[in-house]
Amino acid sequence: MRIEIDEEKCIGAGQCVMSAPETFDQRDEDGVAFLIEDSPTPDRQAQVREAVTLCPAAAITVVEDQS
């Protein structure tokens, strides 16, 4: 699994950070989300999927590995 954030879509709601704080954080200056890790370990993938679902701007995309 690989994660992408569309910074243009992000509205800084912070749902991703609350759902998966080991994977997402927000910039102090504007609240836009950024990735701490773009390929989470298997034990964190459920949290990431929840963050995708909760994102009000649909700014997070999960790209599944093709292996």
N, C-alpha and C. Protein backbone atom coordinates (compact mmCIF):
# COMPACT_ATOMS: atom_id res chain seq x y z
N MET A 1 0.84 -1.17 0.00
CA MET A 1 0.00 0.00 0.00
C MET A 1 0.89 1.24 0.00
N ARG A 2 0.49 2.20 -0.82
CA ARG A 2 1.16 3.50 -0.87
C ARG A 2 0.08 4.56 -0.76
N ILE A 3 0.38 5.65 -0.06
CA ILE A 3 -0.60 6.71 0.17
C ILE A 3 -0.17 7.97 -0.57
N GLU A 4 -1.17 8.69 -1.10
CA GLU A 4 -0.92 9.98 -1.73
C GLU A 4 -1.91 10.99 -1.15
N ILE A 5 -1.45 12.23 -0.98
CA ILE A 5 -2.33 13.31 -0.53
C ILE A 5 -2.33 14.38 -1.60
N ASP A 6 -3.52 14.81 -1.98
CA ASP A 6 -3.67 15.93 -2.91
C ASP A 6 -3.75 17.19 -2.05
N GLU A 7 -2.63 17.90 -1.94
CA GLU A 7 -2.57 19.07 -1.07
C GLU A 7 -3.51 20.18 -1.53
N GLU A 8 -3.83 20.22 -2.80
CA GLU A 8 -4.76 21.24 -3.31
C GLU A 8 -6.18 20.99 -2.79
N LYS A 9 -6.54 19.74 -2.57
CA LYS A 9 -7.87 19.38 -2.07
C LYS A 9 -7.98 19.48 -0.56
N CYS A 10 -6.87 19.28 0.14
CA CYS A 10 -6.89 19.21 1.61
C CYS A 10 -7.43 20.52 2.20
N ILE A 11 -8.40 20.38 3.13
CA ILE A 11 -8.97 21.55 3.79
C ILE A 11 -8.51 21.67 5.24
N GLY A 12 -7.60 20.80 5.67
CA GLY A 12 -7.02 20.90 7.00
C GLY A 12 -7.95 20.47 8.13
N ALA A 13 -8.89 19.59 7.85
CA ALA A 13 -9.84 19.14 8.88
C ALA A 13 -9.17 18.31 9.97
N GLY A 14 -8.08 17.62 9.64
CA GLY A 14 -7.33 16.86 10.64
C GLY A 14 -7.85 15.48 10.95
N GLN A 15 -8.86 15.01 10.22
CA GLN A 15 -9.39 13.67 10.48
C GLN A 15 -8.33 12.60 10.26
N CYS A 16 -7.47 12.80 9.29
CA CYS A 16 -6.42 11.81 9.01
C CYS A 16 -5.44 11.71 10.17
N VAL A 17 -5.08 12.85 10.74
CA VAL A 17 -4.13 12.87 11.85
C VAL A 17 -4.74 12.19 13.07
N MET A 18 -6.01 12.41 13.30
CA MET A 18 -6.67 11.77 14.44
C MET A 18 -6.82 10.26 14.23
N SER A 19 -7.02 9.83 12.99
CA SER A 19 -7.20 8.41 12.70
C SER A 19 -5.90 7.64 12.65
N ALA A 20 -4.88 8.26 12.09
CA ALA A 20 -3.59 7.57 11.89
C ALA A 20 -2.43 8.54 12.16
N PRO A 21 -2.20 8.88 13.42
CA PRO A 21 -1.18 9.87 13.75
C PRO A 21 0.26 9.45 13.44
N GLU A 22 0.49 8.16 13.28
CA GLU A 22 1.84 7.70 12.92
C GLU A 22 2.11 7.89 11.42
N THR A 23 1.06 8.12 10.66
CA THR A 23 1.17 8.21 9.21
C THR A 23 0.99 9.63 8.69
N PHE A 24 0.11 10.41 9.32
CA PHE A 24 -0.22 11.76 8.86
C PHE A 24 0.12 12.81 9.90
N ASP A 25 0.42 14.01 9.42
CA ASP A 25 0.57 15.18 10.28
C ASP A 25 0.09 16.38 9.48
N GLN A 26 0.05 17.55 10.12
CA GLN A 26 -0.40 18.76 9.46
C GLN A 26 0.64 19.85 9.60
N ARG A 27 0.77 20.66 8.53
CA ARG A 27 1.68 21.80 8.58
C ARG A 27 1.13 22.85 9.53
N ASP A 28 2.02 23.45 10.30
CA ASP A 28 1.61 24.46 11.26
C ASP A 28 1.05 25.71 10.58
N GLU A 29 1.63 26.09 9.45
CA GLU A 29 1.26 27.37 8.83
C GLU A 29 -0.13 27.37 8.18
N ASP A 30 -0.60 26.24 7.68
CA ASP A 30 -1.90 26.24 6.99
C ASP A 30 -2.77 25.02 7.27
N GLY A 31 -2.29 24.08 8.06
CA GLY A 31 -3.09 22.92 8.42
C GLY A 31 -3.17 21.83 7.37
N VAL A 32 -2.52 22.02 6.23
CA VAL A 32 -2.57 21.02 5.17
C VAL A 32 -1.83 19.75 5.63
N ALA A 33 -2.43 18.62 5.36
CA ALA A 33 -1.87 17.34 5.78
C ALA A 33 -0.65 16.97 4.94
N PHE A 34 0.26 16.25 5.57
CA PHE A 34 1.39 15.66 4.87
C PHE A 34 1.67 14.29 5.45
N LEU A 35 2.43 13.51 4.72
CA LEU A 35 2.72 12.13 5.12
C LEU A 35 3.99 12.04 5.94
N ILE A 36 3.90 11.32 7.03
CA ILE A 36 5.09 10.96 7.80
C ILE A 36 5.71 9.72 7.15
N GLU A 37 4.84 8.84 6.68
CA GLU A 37 5.27 7.65 5.94
C GLU A 37 4.29 7.41 4.81
N ASP A 38 4.79 7.12 3.62
CA ASP A 38 3.88 6.93 2.49
C ASP A 38 3.56 5.46 2.22
N SER A 39 4.23 4.55 2.91
CA SER A 39 3.95 3.12 2.79
C SER A 39 3.84 2.54 4.19
N PRO A 40 2.65 2.61 4.79
CA PRO A 40 2.51 2.15 6.17
C PRO A 40 2.68 0.64 6.31
N THR A 41 3.13 0.26 7.48
CA THR A 41 3.28 -1.16 7.79
C THR A 41 1.89 -1.80 7.87
N PRO A 42 1.81 -3.10 7.69
CA PRO A 42 0.50 -3.77 7.70
C PRO A 42 -0.34 -3.49 8.95
N ASP A 43 0.29 -3.32 10.09
CA ASP A 43 -0.48 -3.06 11.31
C ASP A 43 -1.10 -1.67 11.35
N ARG A 44 -0.69 -0.78 10.46
CA ARG A 44 -1.25 0.58 10.40
C ARG A 44 -2.21 0.78 9.23
N GLN A 45 -2.34 -0.19 8.38
CA GLN A 45 -3.15 -0.01 7.18
C GLN A 45 -4.63 0.19 7.46
N ALA A 46 -5.17 -0.44 8.48
CA ALA A 46 -6.58 -0.24 8.81
C ALA A 46 -6.84 1.20 9.24
N GLN A 47 -5.92 1.78 9.99
CA GLN A 47 -6.04 3.18 10.41
C GLN A 47 -6.00 4.10 9.19
N VAL A 48 -5.13 3.80 8.25
CA VAL A 48 -5.03 4.62 7.04
C VAL A 48 -6.32 4.54 6.24
N ARG A 49 -6.87 3.36 6.10
CA ARG A 49 -8.13 3.21 5.36
C ARG A 49 -9.26 4.00 6.04
N GLU A 50 -9.26 4.02 7.36
CA GLU A 50 -10.25 4.81 8.08
C GLU A 50 -10.05 6.30 7.79
N ALA A 51 -8.80 6.74 7.76
CA ALA A 51 -8.50 8.14 7.45
C ALA A 51 -9.00 8.52 6.06
N VAL A 52 -8.83 7.62 5.10
CA VAL A 52 -9.33 7.87 3.74
C VAL A 52 -10.84 8.05 3.77
N THR A 53 -11.52 7.20 4.49
CA THR A 53 -12.98 7.26 4.58
C THR A 53 -13.45 8.54 5.26
N LEU A 54 -12.74 8.98 6.28
CA LEU A 54 -13.16 10.14 7.07
C LEU A 54 -12.78 11.48 6.45
N CYS A 55 -11.87 11.50 5.50
CA CYS A 55 -11.41 12.76 4.92
C CYS A 55 -12.57 13.48 4.21
N PRO A 56 -12.99 14.65 4.71
CA PRO A 56 -14.13 15.34 4.11
C PRO A 56 -13.85 15.90 2.71
N ALA A 57 -12.59 16.05 2.37
CA ALA A 57 -12.23 16.60 1.06
C ALA A 57 -11.83 15.53 0.06
N ALA A 58 -11.84 14.27 0.47
CA ALA A 58 -11.41 13.16 -0.38
C ALA A 58 -10.03 13.44 -0.98
N ALA A 59 -9.13 13.92 -0.12
CA ALA A 59 -7.79 14.31 -0.56
C ALA A 59 -6.76 13.18 -0.45
N ILE A 60 -7.14 12.06 0.14
CA ILE A 60 -6.20 10.96 0.36
C ILE A 60 -6.54 9.80 -0.57
N THR A 61 -5.53 9.27 -1.21
CA THR A 61 -5.69 8.13 -2.10
C THR A 61 -4.77 7.00 -1.64
N VAL A 62 -5.29 5.79 -1.67
CA VAL A 62 -4.48 4.60 -1.40
C VAL A 62 -4.24 3.89 -2.73
N VAL A 63 -2.99 3.63 -3.00
CA VAL A 63 -2.59 2.87 -4.19
C VAL A 63 -2.13 1.51 -3.70
N GLU A 64 -2.83 0.48 -4.14
CA GLU A 64 -2.50 -0.87 -3.69
C GLU A 64 -1.28 -1.40 -4.44
N ASP A 65 -0.42 -2.11 -3.74
CA ASP A 65 0.73 -2.75 -4.35
C ASP A 65 0.25 -3.83 -5.32
N GLN A 66 0.97 -3.98 -6.41
CA GLN A 66 0.61 -4.97 -7.43
C GLN A 66 1.39 -6.27 -7.27
N SER A 67 1.93 -6.54 -6.09
CA SER A 67 2.71 -7.77 -5.91
C SER A 67 1.89 -8.96 -5.54
